[in-house]
N, C-alpha and C. Protein backbone atom coordinates (compact mmCIF):
# COMPACT_ATOMS: atom_id res chain seq x y z
N MET A 1 22.98 67.63 66.23
CA MET A 1 22.81 65.70 65.63
C MET A 1 22.80 64.80 65.71
N SER A 2 22.02 63.93 66.17
CA SER A 2 22.32 62.36 66.54
C SER A 2 23.63 61.48 65.74
N GLY A 3 23.43 61.88 64.21
CA GLY A 3 23.83 61.07 63.33
C GLY A 3 23.05 60.66 62.41
N GLU A 4 21.63 60.48 63.04
CA GLU A 4 20.16 60.29 62.16
C GLU A 4 19.85 60.81 61.00
N ALA A 5 19.59 60.63 59.90
CA ALA A 5 19.31 61.28 58.64
C ALA A 5 18.01 60.81 58.24
N VAL A 6 16.79 61.28 57.92
CA VAL A 6 16.27 60.95 57.23
C VAL A 6 15.89 61.25 55.92
N VAL A 7 15.65 61.29 54.94
CA VAL A 7 15.68 61.46 53.25
C VAL A 7 14.00 60.99 52.75
N TRP A 8 13.81 62.35 52.60
CA TRP A 8 12.37 62.24 51.88
C TRP A 8 12.39 62.61 50.73
N ALA A 9 12.74 61.00 49.69
CA ALA A 9 12.87 61.01 48.48
C ALA A 9 11.57 61.38 47.60
N GLY A 10 12.03 62.73 46.70
CA GLY A 10 11.08 62.99 45.63
C GLY A 10 10.69 62.32 44.42
N SER A 11 9.74 62.54 44.00
CA SER A 11 8.32 61.81 42.93
C SER A 11 9.64 61.40 41.24
N GLY A 12 9.18 60.65 41.07
CA GLY A 12 9.81 59.88 39.91
C GLY A 12 11.16 59.24 40.35
N THR A 13 12.18 59.13 39.24
CA THR A 13 13.29 58.68 39.14
C THR A 13 14.52 59.49 38.65
N ALA A 14 15.81 59.95 39.46
CA ALA A 14 16.72 60.55 39.21
C ALA A 14 17.27 59.93 37.39
N TRP A 15 17.27 58.40 37.19
CA TRP A 15 17.48 58.10 36.15
C TRP A 15 16.94 56.60 36.05
N ALA A 16 17.11 55.29 35.54
CA ALA A 16 16.26 54.15 35.34
C ALA A 16 17.09 53.64 36.49
N SER A 17 15.81 53.29 37.16
CA SER A 17 15.62 52.30 38.34
C SER A 17 16.31 52.92 39.82
N VAL A 18 16.71 54.44 39.48
CA VAL A 18 17.42 55.06 40.89
C VAL A 18 16.02 56.20 41.09
N GLY A 19 15.36 56.02 42.62
CA GLY A 19 15.27 57.10 42.89
C GLY A 19 16.02 58.41 43.40
N TRP A 20 15.35 59.72 43.64
CA TRP A 20 15.64 60.61 44.00
C TRP A 20 16.66 60.74 45.31
N GLY A 21 16.01 60.12 46.10
CA GLY A 21 16.62 59.62 46.88
C GLY A 21 17.74 58.87 47.48
N GLU A 22 18.33 57.65 46.84
CA GLU A 22 19.25 57.19 46.69
C GLU A 22 20.78 57.48 46.60
N PRO A 23 20.96 58.73 45.84
CA PRO A 23 22.18 59.46 45.72
C PRO A 23 22.39 59.88 46.85
N VAL A 24 21.69 60.72 47.30
CA VAL A 24 21.71 61.24 48.59
C VAL A 24 21.74 60.65 50.07
N ALA A 25 21.26 59.39 49.84
CA ALA A 25 21.47 58.79 50.92
C ALA A 25 22.70 57.77 50.92
N GLU A 26 23.51 57.55 49.98
CA GLU A 26 24.57 56.47 49.46
C GLU A 26 25.89 57.91 50.11
N VAL A 27 25.45 59.43 49.76
CA VAL A 27 26.50 60.03 50.14
C VAL A 27 26.72 60.31 51.65
N LEU A 28 25.35 60.44 52.16
CA LEU A 28 24.79 60.92 53.74
C LEU A 28 25.73 59.77 54.61
N THR A 29 25.40 58.48 54.24
CA THR A 29 26.06 57.39 54.68
C THR A 29 27.89 57.35 54.60
N SER A 30 28.43 57.68 53.63
CA SER A 30 29.44 57.83 53.48
C SER A 30 29.98 58.52 54.06
N LEU A 31 29.34 59.69 54.62
CA LEU A 31 30.09 60.47 55.55
C LEU A 31 29.81 60.27 57.19
N GLY A 32 28.91 59.51 57.21
CA GLY A 32 28.71 58.74 58.69
C GLY A 32 27.57 58.68 59.53
N TRP A 33 26.45 59.34 57.95
CA TRP A 33 25.13 58.93 59.00
C TRP A 33 24.34 57.87 58.76
N HIS A 34 23.65 57.46 59.93
CA HIS A 34 22.71 56.79 59.62
C HIS A 34 21.15 57.01 59.29
N VAL A 35 20.89 56.67 57.61
CA VAL A 35 19.68 57.21 57.29
C VAL A 35 18.83 56.41 56.93
N SER A 36 17.54 56.64 56.94
CA SER A 36 16.33 56.02 56.91
C SER A 36 15.68 57.36 55.59
N VAL A 37 15.16 56.15 54.56
CA VAL A 37 14.58 56.89 53.23
C VAL A 37 13.29 56.37 53.27
N VAL A 38 12.56 57.91 53.38
CA VAL A 38 10.99 57.60 53.20
C VAL A 38 10.40 57.99 51.60
N PRO A 39 9.95 57.14 50.94
CA PRO A 39 9.42 56.90 49.55
C PRO A 39 8.72 57.87 49.23
N TRP A 40 8.35 58.52 48.05
CA TRP A 40 7.70 59.63 47.69
C TRP A 40 5.75 58.69 47.66
N GLY A 41 5.26 59.66 48.52
CA GLY A 41 3.99 59.20 48.73
C GLY A 41 3.73 58.31 49.83
N ASP A 42 4.23 58.15 50.78
CA ASP A 42 4.55 57.83 52.33
C ASP A 42 4.37 58.65 53.56
N PRO A 43 3.35 59.22 53.71
CA PRO A 43 3.17 60.59 54.48
C PRO A 43 4.37 59.77 55.85
N ALA A 44 4.95 58.68 56.13
CA ALA A 44 5.76 58.50 57.19
C ALA A 44 5.60 59.53 58.77
N ALA A 45 4.67 59.18 59.14
CA ALA A 45 4.08 60.34 60.25
C ALA A 45 4.95 60.14 61.59
N GLU A 46 5.84 58.73 61.80
CA GLU A 46 6.81 58.73 62.63
C GLU A 46 7.93 59.76 62.24
N HIS A 47 8.18 60.58 61.36
CA HIS A 47 9.23 60.95 61.51
C HIS A 47 8.80 62.49 60.83
N GLN A 48 7.70 62.89 60.76
CA GLN A 48 7.09 64.35 60.53
C GLN A 48 7.96 64.74 61.92
N GLY A 49 8.39 66.16 61.48
CA GLY A 49 9.13 66.91 62.34
C GLY A 49 9.69 66.15 63.78
N ARG A 50 10.64 65.30 63.36
CA ARG A 50 11.06 64.25 63.98
C ARG A 50 12.19 65.00 64.88
N PRO A 51 12.46 65.16 66.24
CA PRO A 51 13.43 65.68 66.46
C PRO A 51 14.74 65.43 66.25
N GLY A 52 16.09 65.80 66.39
CA GLY A 52 17.30 65.48 67.22
C GLY A 52 18.15 64.83 65.68
N VAL A 53 17.25 65.18 64.52
CA VAL A 53 17.76 64.50 63.40
C VAL A 53 17.89 65.63 62.30
N LEU A 54 18.42 65.01 61.00
CA LEU A 54 18.57 65.79 59.99
C LEU A 54 17.01 65.28 58.83
N HIS A 55 16.37 66.47 58.63
CA HIS A 55 15.59 66.13 57.55
C HIS A 55 16.39 66.45 56.36
N VAL A 56 16.35 65.55 55.03
CA VAL A 56 16.77 65.82 54.07
C VAL A 56 15.52 65.82 52.68
N PHE A 57 15.05 66.91 52.38
CA PHE A 57 13.90 66.55 51.15
C PHE A 57 14.62 67.12 49.86
N THR A 58 15.01 65.71 48.61
CA THR A 58 15.35 65.83 47.99
C THR A 58 15.01 66.23 46.73
N GLY A 59 15.52 66.39 45.67
CA GLY A 59 14.66 66.43 44.23
C GLY A 59 13.63 65.80 43.71
N GLY A 60 12.74 65.96 42.74
CA GLY A 60 11.51 65.00 42.09
C GLY A 60 11.51 66.02 40.87
N LEU A 61 10.29 65.30 40.74
CA LEU A 61 9.71 65.29 38.95
C LEU A 61 8.39 66.37 39.36
N GLU A 62 7.30 65.71 40.42
CA GLU A 62 6.36 66.26 40.48
C GLU A 62 6.30 67.63 41.36
N PRO A 63 5.60 68.72 40.33
CA PRO A 63 5.81 70.20 40.55
C PRO A 63 4.77 70.59 42.42
N VAL A 64 5.07 71.49 42.89
CA VAL A 64 4.68 72.17 44.54
C VAL A 64 3.46 72.28 44.40
N SER A 65 3.07 72.69 42.68
CA SER A 65 1.41 73.13 42.67
C SER A 65 0.71 72.06 42.24
N SER A 66 1.01 70.96 42.28
CA SER A 66 0.38 69.63 42.00
C SER A 66 -0.67 69.58 42.18
N GLY A 67 -1.00 69.65 43.69
CA GLY A 67 -2.44 69.68 44.04
C GLY A 67 -2.50 68.34 44.50
N THR A 68 -1.87 67.13 44.68
CA THR A 68 -2.29 65.80 44.92
C THR A 68 -2.21 65.59 46.20
N ALA A 69 -2.63 64.42 46.79
CA ALA A 69 -2.29 64.11 47.92
C ALA A 69 -0.65 64.04 48.83
N ALA A 70 0.01 63.38 47.77
CA ALA A 70 1.59 63.16 47.97
C ALA A 70 2.08 64.32 48.21
N MET A 71 1.81 64.99 47.31
CA MET A 71 2.57 66.61 47.33
C MET A 71 1.74 67.36 48.85
N ALA A 72 0.31 67.24 49.31
CA ALA A 72 0.01 67.71 50.87
C ALA A 72 0.72 66.81 51.90
N ASP A 73 1.13 65.20 51.39
CA ASP A 73 1.59 65.00 52.91
C ASP A 73 3.34 65.60 52.89
N ARG A 74 3.95 65.82 51.88
CA ARG A 74 5.47 65.89 51.88
C ARG A 74 5.23 67.41 52.34
N LEU A 75 4.53 68.05 51.70
CA LEU A 75 4.69 69.66 51.99
C LEU A 75 4.68 69.68 54.00
N ASP A 76 3.59 68.83 54.40
CA ASP A 76 3.39 68.85 55.51
C ASP A 76 4.31 68.59 56.32
N ALA A 77 5.56 67.61 55.81
CA ALA A 77 6.59 67.00 56.48
C ALA A 77 7.32 68.29 56.26
N VAL A 78 7.51 68.82 55.69
CA VAL A 78 8.13 69.93 55.52
C VAL A 78 8.08 70.97 56.44
N ARG A 79 7.13 71.41 56.33
CA ARG A 79 6.38 72.32 57.70
C ARG A 79 6.95 71.64 59.18
N ALA A 80 6.63 70.27 59.03
CA ALA A 80 7.25 69.99 60.36
C ALA A 80 8.42 69.98 60.89
N GLY A 81 9.01 69.56 59.41
CA GLY A 81 10.44 69.79 59.83
C GLY A 81 11.37 71.13 59.93
N LEU A 82 10.48 72.64 59.98
CA LEU A 82 10.77 73.80 59.63
C LEU A 82 10.31 73.78 60.89
N ALA A 83 9.41 73.44 61.77
CA ALA A 83 9.43 74.13 63.19
C ALA A 83 10.16 73.50 63.67
N ALA A 84 10.65 72.30 63.88
CA ALA A 84 11.16 71.66 64.70
C ALA A 84 12.62 72.13 64.39
N ALA A 85 13.01 72.97 63.15
CA ALA A 85 14.77 73.73 62.82
C ALA A 85 14.63 74.85 63.83
N ASP A 86 12.90 75.37 63.91
CA ASP A 86 13.04 76.68 64.31
C ASP A 86 13.26 76.36 66.07
N ALA A 87 12.70 75.90 66.50
CA ALA A 87 12.42 75.09 67.68
C ALA A 87 14.34 74.88 68.52
N ASP A 88 15.30 74.82 66.93
CA ASP A 88 16.68 74.35 67.30
C ASP A 88 16.59 72.77 67.82
N ARG A 89 15.52 72.05 67.29
CA ARG A 89 15.82 70.56 67.52
C ARG A 89 16.02 69.87 66.32
N ALA A 90 15.89 70.45 65.13
CA ALA A 90 16.75 69.63 63.86
C ALA A 90 16.97 70.45 63.22
N SER A 91 17.51 69.57 62.18
CA SER A 91 18.43 70.41 60.91
C SER A 91 17.48 70.00 59.74
N VAL A 92 17.58 71.07 58.52
CA VAL A 92 16.47 71.04 57.24
C VAL A 92 17.51 71.46 55.94
N VAL A 93 17.29 69.88 55.33
CA VAL A 93 18.02 70.82 54.20
C VAL A 93 17.01 70.18 52.40
N GLY A 94 16.97 71.09 52.08
CA GLY A 94 16.10 70.93 50.80
C GLY A 94 17.25 71.25 49.37
N ILE A 95 16.69 70.13 48.67
CA ILE A 95 17.47 70.12 47.06
C ILE A 95 16.70 70.16 46.40
N CYS A 96 16.84 70.92 45.61
CA CYS A 96 16.17 71.21 44.02
C CYS A 96 14.35 71.10 44.51
N LEU A 97 13.84 70.47 44.19
CA LEU A 97 12.12 70.59 44.63
C LEU A 97 12.36 70.63 46.42
N GLY A 98 13.17 69.84 46.85
CA GLY A 98 13.13 70.02 48.53
C GLY A 98 12.95 71.94 48.84
N ALA A 99 14.27 72.41 47.68
CA ALA A 99 14.34 73.70 48.26
C ALA A 99 13.45 74.54 47.60
N GLN A 100 12.31 74.34 46.72
CA GLN A 100 11.11 75.06 46.65
C GLN A 100 9.92 74.97 47.48
N MET A 101 9.78 73.48 48.11
CA MET A 101 9.16 72.97 48.86
C MET A 101 9.45 74.02 50.21
N ILE A 102 10.07 74.03 50.30
CA ILE A 102 10.68 74.93 51.46
C ILE A 102 10.36 76.32 51.71
N ALA A 103 10.72 77.36 50.29
CA ALA A 103 9.93 78.25 50.52
C ALA A 103 8.63 77.96 49.77
N ALA A 104 7.94 77.58 49.43
CA ALA A 104 6.68 77.56 49.47
C ALA A 104 6.12 77.57 51.03
N VAL A 105 6.76 76.80 51.67
CA VAL A 105 6.03 76.66 52.92
C VAL A 105 6.48 78.30 54.14
N SER A 106 7.71 78.30 53.85
CA SER A 106 8.56 79.33 54.86
C SER A 106 8.23 80.88 54.22
N GLY A 107 7.92 80.97 53.01
CA GLY A 107 7.78 82.68 52.07
C GLY A 107 6.00 82.44 51.35
N ASP A 108 5.87 81.31 51.46
CA ASP A 108 4.12 81.49 50.54
C ASP A 108 4.58 81.78 49.45
N VAL A 109 5.80 81.27 48.72
CA VAL A 109 6.44 81.55 47.36
C VAL A 109 6.15 80.20 46.66
N LEU A 110 5.52 80.24 45.57
CA LEU A 110 5.55 79.46 44.66
C LEU A 110 6.33 79.39 43.93
N PRO A 111 7.36 78.24 42.89
CA PRO A 111 8.39 78.06 41.91
C PRO A 111 7.79 78.95 41.05
N GLU A 112 8.85 79.33 40.06
CA GLU A 112 8.77 79.79 38.70
C GLU A 112 9.28 79.21 37.65
N ALA A 113 8.93 79.32 36.60
CA ALA A 113 9.72 78.83 35.27
C ALA A 113 10.85 79.46 35.44
N VAL A 114 12.18 78.90 34.83
CA VAL A 114 12.89 79.40 34.59
C VAL A 114 13.54 80.50 33.33
N PRO A 115 13.71 81.38 33.47
CA PRO A 115 13.67 82.24 32.06
C PRO A 115 14.90 81.59 31.65
N GLY A 116 14.59 81.26 30.06
CA GLY A 116 15.40 80.95 29.06
C GLY A 116 15.36 78.97 29.02
N GLY A 117 14.22 78.34 29.84
CA GLY A 117 14.07 77.00 29.93
C GLY A 117 14.70 76.39 30.73
N GLY A 118 15.68 76.79 31.66
CA GLY A 118 16.16 76.24 32.80
C GLY A 118 17.72 75.62 32.51
N GLU A 119 18.20 74.64 33.05
CA GLU A 119 19.44 74.41 32.58
C GLU A 119 19.72 72.53 33.25
N VAL A 120 20.61 72.00 32.57
CA VAL A 120 21.03 70.81 32.78
C VAL A 120 22.38 70.40 32.64
N GLY A 121 23.30 69.73 33.12
CA GLY A 121 24.48 69.07 33.12
C GLY A 121 25.42 69.50 34.65
N THR A 122 26.63 70.21 34.32
CA THR A 122 27.07 70.72 35.65
C THR A 122 27.76 72.17 35.57
N THR A 123 27.35 72.48 36.21
CA THR A 123 28.04 74.23 36.36
C THR A 123 28.84 74.35 37.59
N THR A 124 29.40 75.47 37.31
CA THR A 124 29.75 76.15 39.03
C THR A 124 29.36 77.46 39.31
N LEU A 125 28.70 77.73 40.31
CA LEU A 125 28.00 78.61 40.95
C LEU A 125 28.67 79.44 42.06
N ARG A 126 28.63 80.92 42.21
CA ARG A 126 28.96 81.97 42.73
C ARG A 126 28.38 81.74 44.48
N GLY A 127 29.72 81.77 45.20
CA GLY A 127 29.09 81.95 46.40
C GLY A 127 28.99 83.22 46.93
N ARG A 128 28.11 83.55 47.80
CA ARG A 128 28.03 84.51 48.63
C ARG A 128 28.24 84.47 50.27
N GLY A 129 29.22 84.65 50.46
CA GLY A 129 29.82 84.61 52.18
C GLY A 129 29.94 82.72 51.92
N VAL A 130 29.95 82.52 51.28
CA VAL A 130 30.62 80.60 50.80
C VAL A 130 31.31 80.72 49.46
N PRO A 131 32.45 79.74 50.07
CA PRO A 131 32.87 79.05 48.54
C PRO A 131 32.24 78.72 47.42
N ASP A 132 32.79 79.35 46.17
CA ASP A 132 31.84 78.84 45.08
C ASP A 132 31.78 77.10 45.20
N VAL A 133 30.77 76.45 44.41
CA VAL A 133 31.06 75.40 44.48
C VAL A 133 30.38 74.34 42.48
N HIS A 134 31.43 73.75 42.16
CA HIS A 134 31.12 72.91 41.04
C HIS A 134 30.38 71.65 41.28
N VAL A 135 29.04 71.91 40.83
CA VAL A 135 27.99 70.58 40.98
C VAL A 135 27.05 70.56 39.87
N ALA A 136 26.26 69.37 39.97
CA ALA A 136 25.23 69.03 38.91
C ALA A 136 24.30 69.91 39.21
N THR A 137 23.67 70.09 38.05
CA THR A 137 21.84 70.68 37.95
C THR A 137 21.29 70.35 36.84
N ALA A 138 19.98 70.29 36.89
CA ALA A 138 19.05 70.00 36.33
C ALA A 138 17.44 70.34 37.00
N HIS A 139 17.08 71.86 36.09
CA HIS A 139 15.71 72.22 36.85
C HIS A 139 14.94 72.86 35.73
N VAL A 140 13.72 73.04 35.78
CA VAL A 140 12.77 74.08 34.80
C VAL A 140 12.23 74.98 35.74
N GLN A 141 12.22 74.71 36.96
CA GLN A 141 11.21 75.28 37.72
C GLN A 141 12.55 75.91 38.60
N GLN A 142 12.30 77.09 39.61
CA GLN A 142 13.28 77.49 40.42
C GLN A 142 12.53 78.67 41.58
N VAL A 143 13.07 78.81 42.55
CA VAL A 143 12.96 79.16 43.92
C VAL A 143 12.87 81.11 43.28
N PRO A 144 11.45 81.85 43.11
CA PRO A 144 11.64 82.94 42.94
C PRO A 144 12.38 84.25 43.33
N ALA A 145 13.59 84.86 43.29
CA ALA A 145 14.05 85.72 43.74
C ALA A 145 13.34 86.71 44.65
N SER A 146 12.31 87.01 44.78
CA SER A 146 11.30 87.12 45.48
C SER A 146 11.37 86.78 47.23
N TYR A 147 11.66 85.67 46.77
CA TYR A 147 11.80 84.51 48.26
C TYR A 147 13.15 85.23 49.50
N LEU A 148 14.17 86.14 48.46
CA LEU A 148 14.87 86.42 49.49
C LEU A 148 14.24 87.52 50.26
N ARG A 149 13.22 88.28 50.24
CA ARG A 149 12.63 89.04 50.63
C ARG A 149 11.81 88.52 51.99
N THR A 150 11.77 87.35 52.44
CA THR A 150 11.34 86.48 53.36
C THR A 150 12.45 86.76 54.45
N PRO A 151 11.71 87.26 55.90
CA PRO A 151 12.46 87.48 56.94
C PRO A 151 13.36 86.23 57.02
N GLY A 152 14.44 86.32 57.57
CA GLY A 152 15.61 85.40 57.72
C GLY A 152 16.67 84.86 56.77
N VAL A 153 15.81 85.04 55.44
CA VAL A 153 16.27 84.22 54.31
C VAL A 153 18.04 84.89 53.87
N ARG A 154 18.63 84.13 53.34
CA ARG A 154 19.84 84.79 52.91
C ARG A 154 20.45 83.92 51.84
N LEU A 155 20.94 84.68 50.83
CA LEU A 155 21.66 83.78 49.34
C LEU A 155 22.65 83.46 49.84
N THR A 156 22.91 82.01 49.40
CA THR A 156 24.13 81.90 49.53
C THR A 156 25.31 81.11 48.34
N TRP A 157 24.00 80.89 47.10
CA TRP A 157 24.89 80.60 46.22
C TRP A 157 24.01 81.35 44.52
N THR A 158 24.50 81.78 43.60
CA THR A 158 23.73 82.18 42.45
C THR A 158 24.44 82.11 41.38
N ASP A 159 23.97 82.28 40.14
CA ASP A 159 24.33 82.84 39.01
C ASP A 159 23.64 83.15 37.76
N GLU A 160 24.02 83.36 36.69
CA GLU A 160 22.95 83.82 35.62
C GLU A 160 21.79 83.27 35.26
N VAL A 161 21.71 81.76 35.52
CA VAL A 161 20.30 81.30 35.01
C VAL A 161 19.41 81.23 36.40
N SER A 162 19.72 81.26 37.47
CA SER A 162 18.90 81.27 38.64
C SER A 162 19.36 82.09 39.68
N THR A 163 19.06 83.22 40.10
CA THR A 163 19.77 83.98 41.45
C THR A 163 19.62 83.50 42.54
N VAL A 164 18.36 82.60 42.79
CA VAL A 164 18.43 81.84 43.97
C VAL A 164 19.05 80.55 43.80
N GLN A 165 20.07 79.80 43.53
CA GLN A 165 20.57 78.59 43.89
C GLN A 165 20.98 78.40 44.98
N GLY A 166 20.94 78.75 46.06
CA GLY A 166 21.31 78.87 47.58
C GLY A 166 20.71 79.60 48.45
N PHE A 167 20.26 78.86 49.52
CA PHE A 167 19.89 79.96 50.11
C PHE A 167 20.12 79.37 51.83
N THR A 168 19.93 80.06 53.11
CA THR A 168 19.73 79.94 54.16
C THR A 168 18.50 80.47 54.96
N VAL A 169 17.88 80.04 56.08
CA VAL A 169 16.64 80.49 56.70
C VAL A 169 16.83 80.43 58.22
N GLY A 170 17.57 80.94 58.97
CA GLY A 170 18.20 81.21 60.10
C GLY A 170 19.56 80.06 59.86
N PRO A 171 19.58 79.23 61.33
CA PRO A 171 20.78 78.68 61.51
C PRO A 171 20.66 77.19 61.34
N ARG A 172 19.27 76.71 60.73
CA ARG A 172 19.01 75.24 61.07
C ARG A 172 18.44 74.93 59.79
N VAL A 173 18.42 75.42 58.72
CA VAL A 173 17.59 75.28 57.23
C VAL A 173 18.48 75.55 56.11
N ALA A 174 18.47 74.98 55.70
CA ALA A 174 19.70 75.35 53.94
C ALA A 174 19.10 74.89 52.71
N GLY A 175 18.57 75.32 51.79
CA GLY A 175 18.08 75.02 50.41
C GLY A 175 18.77 75.21 48.91
N VAL A 176 18.91 74.11 48.13
CA VAL A 176 19.55 74.51 47.08
C VAL A 176 19.01 73.78 45.86
N GLN A 177 19.47 74.78 45.06
CA GLN A 177 18.39 74.36 43.58
C GLN A 177 19.25 73.57 42.66
N PHE A 178 20.83 73.15 43.12
CA PHE A 178 21.42 72.14 42.36
C PHE A 178 21.43 71.28 42.97
N HIS A 179 22.24 69.89 42.39
CA HIS A 179 22.32 68.76 43.11
C HIS A 179 23.68 68.19 43.37
N PRO A 180 24.11 68.66 45.06
CA PRO A 180 25.35 68.58 45.51
C PRO A 180 25.61 66.61 45.56
N GLU A 181 24.78 66.05 45.43
CA GLU A 181 25.11 64.96 45.87
C GLU A 181 25.24 63.85 44.54
N LEU A 182 25.31 64.58 43.45
CA LEU A 182 25.51 63.92 42.30
C LEU A 182 27.03 63.98 41.73
N CYS A 183 27.96 63.27 41.60
CA CYS A 183 29.23 62.65 40.99
C CYS A 183 28.65 63.15 39.73
N VAL A 184 30.17 63.44 38.57
CA VAL A 184 29.98 63.53 37.53
C VAL A 184 29.48 62.66 36.65
N VAL A 185 29.72 61.08 36.72
CA VAL A 185 28.63 60.56 36.21
C VAL A 185 27.46 60.16 36.23
N GLU A 186 27.07 60.60 37.04
CA GLU A 186 25.69 60.67 37.57
C GLU A 186 25.04 61.69 36.79
N ALA A 187 25.79 62.88 37.18
CA ALA A 187 25.07 64.26 36.78
C ALA A 187 24.74 63.85 35.17
N GLY A 188 25.69 63.05 34.32
CA GLY A 188 25.30 62.20 32.81
C GLY A 188 24.38 61.52 32.86
N TRP A 189 23.73 60.86 33.83
CA TRP A 189 23.08 59.98 33.95
C TRP A 189 21.23 60.47 34.35
N ALA A 190 21.49 61.43 35.24
CA ALA A 190 20.27 62.32 35.31
C ALA A 190 19.74 63.10 34.06
N GLY A 191 21.11 63.86 33.76
CA GLY A 191 20.75 65.04 32.88
C GLY A 191 20.23 64.12 31.49
N ALA A 192 20.34 63.44 31.15
CA ALA A 192 20.24 62.43 29.69
C ALA A 192 18.65 62.23 30.12
N ALA A 193 18.26 61.44 31.57
CA ALA A 193 17.20 60.96 31.45
C ALA A 193 16.10 62.37 31.62
N PHE A 194 16.64 63.29 32.45
CA PHE A 194 15.91 64.51 32.38
C PHE A 194 15.87 65.41 31.16
N THR A 195 16.21 65.60 29.88
CA THR A 195 16.25 66.00 28.96
C THR A 195 15.52 64.81 27.80
N ASP A 196 15.31 63.31 28.31
CA ASP A 196 14.07 62.53 27.91
C ASP A 196 13.06 63.16 27.90
N LEU A 197 13.02 63.66 29.30
CA LEU A 197 11.39 64.16 29.44
C LEU A 197 11.25 65.36 28.90
N LEU A 198 11.96 66.25 29.01
CA LEU A 198 12.18 67.70 28.63
C LEU A 198 13.07 68.18 28.32
N THR A 199 12.58 69.63 27.16
CA THR A 199 13.75 70.29 26.64
C THR A 199 14.41 71.46 27.01
N VAL A 200 15.64 70.86 27.54
CA VAL A 200 15.92 72.17 28.38
C VAL A 200 17.46 72.26 27.94
N PRO A 201 18.38 74.06 27.91
CA PRO A 201 19.09 74.05 27.65
C PRO A 201 20.78 73.65 28.22
N ALA A 202 21.15 73.37 28.00
CA ALA A 202 22.67 72.94 28.58
C ALA A 202 23.58 73.90 29.37
N ALA A 203 23.97 73.23 30.48
CA ALA A 203 24.40 74.69 31.87
C ALA A 203 25.67 74.67 31.06
N VAL A 204 25.92 75.61 31.55
CA VAL A 204 27.87 76.01 31.09
C VAL A 204 28.41 75.13 32.15
N GLY A 205 29.36 74.74 31.62
CA GLY A 205 29.99 73.57 32.30
C GLY A 205 31.10 73.80 33.39
N ALA A 206 31.02 73.10 34.62
CA ALA A 206 32.04 73.19 35.88
C ALA A 206 33.31 73.31 35.58
N ARG A 207 34.13 74.32 36.13
CA ARG A 207 35.33 74.76 36.07
C ARG A 207 36.07 74.16 37.17
N GLY A 208 35.61 72.97 37.34
CA GLY A 208 36.31 72.12 38.41
C GLY A 208 35.55 70.65 38.34
N PRO A 209 36.44 69.90 39.09
CA PRO A 209 35.73 68.30 39.32
C PRO A 209 34.46 68.79 40.47
N LEU A 210 33.88 67.52 40.24
CA LEU A 210 32.24 67.75 41.07
C LEU A 210 32.54 66.85 42.59
N ASP A 211 32.50 67.02 43.72
CA ASP A 211 33.18 66.37 44.91
C ASP A 211 31.80 66.37 45.91
N PRO A 212 31.13 65.34 45.29
CA PRO A 212 29.72 65.55 46.18
C PRO A 212 29.55 65.11 47.68
N ALA A 213 30.42 64.56 48.47
CA ALA A 213 30.93 64.54 49.68
C ALA A 213 30.94 65.78 50.53
N ARG A 214 32.12 66.34 49.48
CA ARG A 214 32.75 68.11 49.87
C ARG A 214 30.81 68.77 49.61
N SER A 215 30.54 68.76 48.44
CA SER A 215 29.64 69.94 48.27
C SER A 215 28.36 69.81 49.14
N LEU A 216 27.87 68.40 49.20
CA LEU A 216 27.02 68.46 50.12
C LEU A 216 27.25 68.42 51.34
N GLY A 217 28.37 68.47 51.98
CA GLY A 217 28.69 68.23 53.28
C GLY A 217 28.89 69.95 53.85
N SER A 218 29.11 70.55 52.71
CA SER A 218 29.12 72.30 52.88
C SER A 218 27.50 72.86 53.19
N VAL A 219 26.86 71.98 52.61
CA VAL A 219 25.42 72.33 52.30
C VAL A 219 24.60 72.00 53.69
N LEU A 220 24.89 71.08 54.28
CA LEU A 220 24.63 70.18 55.61
C LEU A 220 25.19 71.37 56.52
N ALA A 221 26.17 71.78 56.56
CA ALA A 221 27.22 72.59 57.40
C ALA A 221 26.15 73.84 57.72
N LEU A 222 25.99 74.26 56.55
CA LEU A 222 24.85 75.34 56.54
C LEU A 222 23.87 75.52 57.49
N ALA A 223 22.95 73.97 57.39
CA ALA A 223 21.95 74.00 58.14
C ALA A 223 22.20 73.73 59.49
N GLY A 224 23.55 73.64 60.04
CA GLY A 224 24.44 73.49 61.35
C GLY A 224 24.28 71.74 61.57
N ALA A 225 24.10 70.68 60.58
CA ALA A 225 24.64 69.65 60.74
C ALA A 225 25.95 69.39 61.33
N GLN A 226 25.83 69.63 62.31
CA GLN A 226 27.58 69.36 62.99
C GLN A 226 27.98 68.25 62.83
N ARG A 227 27.43 67.00 62.84
CA ARG A 227 28.61 65.87 62.55
C ARG A 227 29.36 65.79 61.37
N VAL A 228 28.44 66.19 59.95
CA VAL A 228 29.12 66.90 58.68
C VAL A 228 30.17 67.85 58.80
N VAL A 229 30.36 69.08 59.71
CA VAL A 229 31.38 69.72 59.74
C VAL A 229 32.22 68.45 60.45
N ARG A 230 32.14 68.14 61.35
CA ARG A 230 33.43 67.31 61.86
C ARG A 230 34.04 66.08 60.71
N THR A 231 32.78 65.63 59.94
CA THR A 231 33.66 64.68 58.89
C THR A 231 34.66 65.68 57.78
N LEU A 232 34.24 66.71 57.93
CA LEU A 232 34.97 67.37 56.52
C LEU A 232 35.96 67.93 57.34
N ALA A 233 36.23 68.27 58.88
CA ALA A 233 37.18 68.56 59.01
C ALA A 233 38.39 67.81 59.66
N ALA A 234 37.64 66.69 59.33
CA ALA A 234 38.74 65.43 60.01
C ALA A 234 39.95 65.24 59.23
């Protein structure tokens, strides 16, 4: 990776006046990445499938199946990013909505409602071949477990609420249902904003402190973003 990251921001805001792309961009910048943020609704043709960079598709409020022009453009960007990753020319990470878009494009699997109504707050997720993580969460839709039957897909994190809390697709693509970019304070702000819109059950609280740099860094490392690997090892 060149140290360049393109953050494709999802729809809506994480909390008042803060878009979903901003917390991701802040953590990436702290890890030494040069970040370009693409607002929701901007096709950003110059970045679609751009090689030699890290593409991050963030959380957002508009469902994958909305059928809007903005969602169609963003799915095209995911498709182009995955093609670049498949050619070993880029890394791709999806967070929450971003993970659902990756599953829709690569496995033709649309998100499903989370049994029990979802979860919001902080939680600890069990790793499958990777360490457990203490992270923020806020979702009512999820990547179905059937996605794990897609060739090349590997489960990385899970819990009792959502089987597929994290996955990889080959060596250059990773998706997570949770929000590794948020600290505990931001998790509270995002959770409050989320529950103002929807009735969502509280998650079982995280059993350890949230560390966005390490959590997001771990996800990026699974996508082959070597700049993050070197930063965490320093």
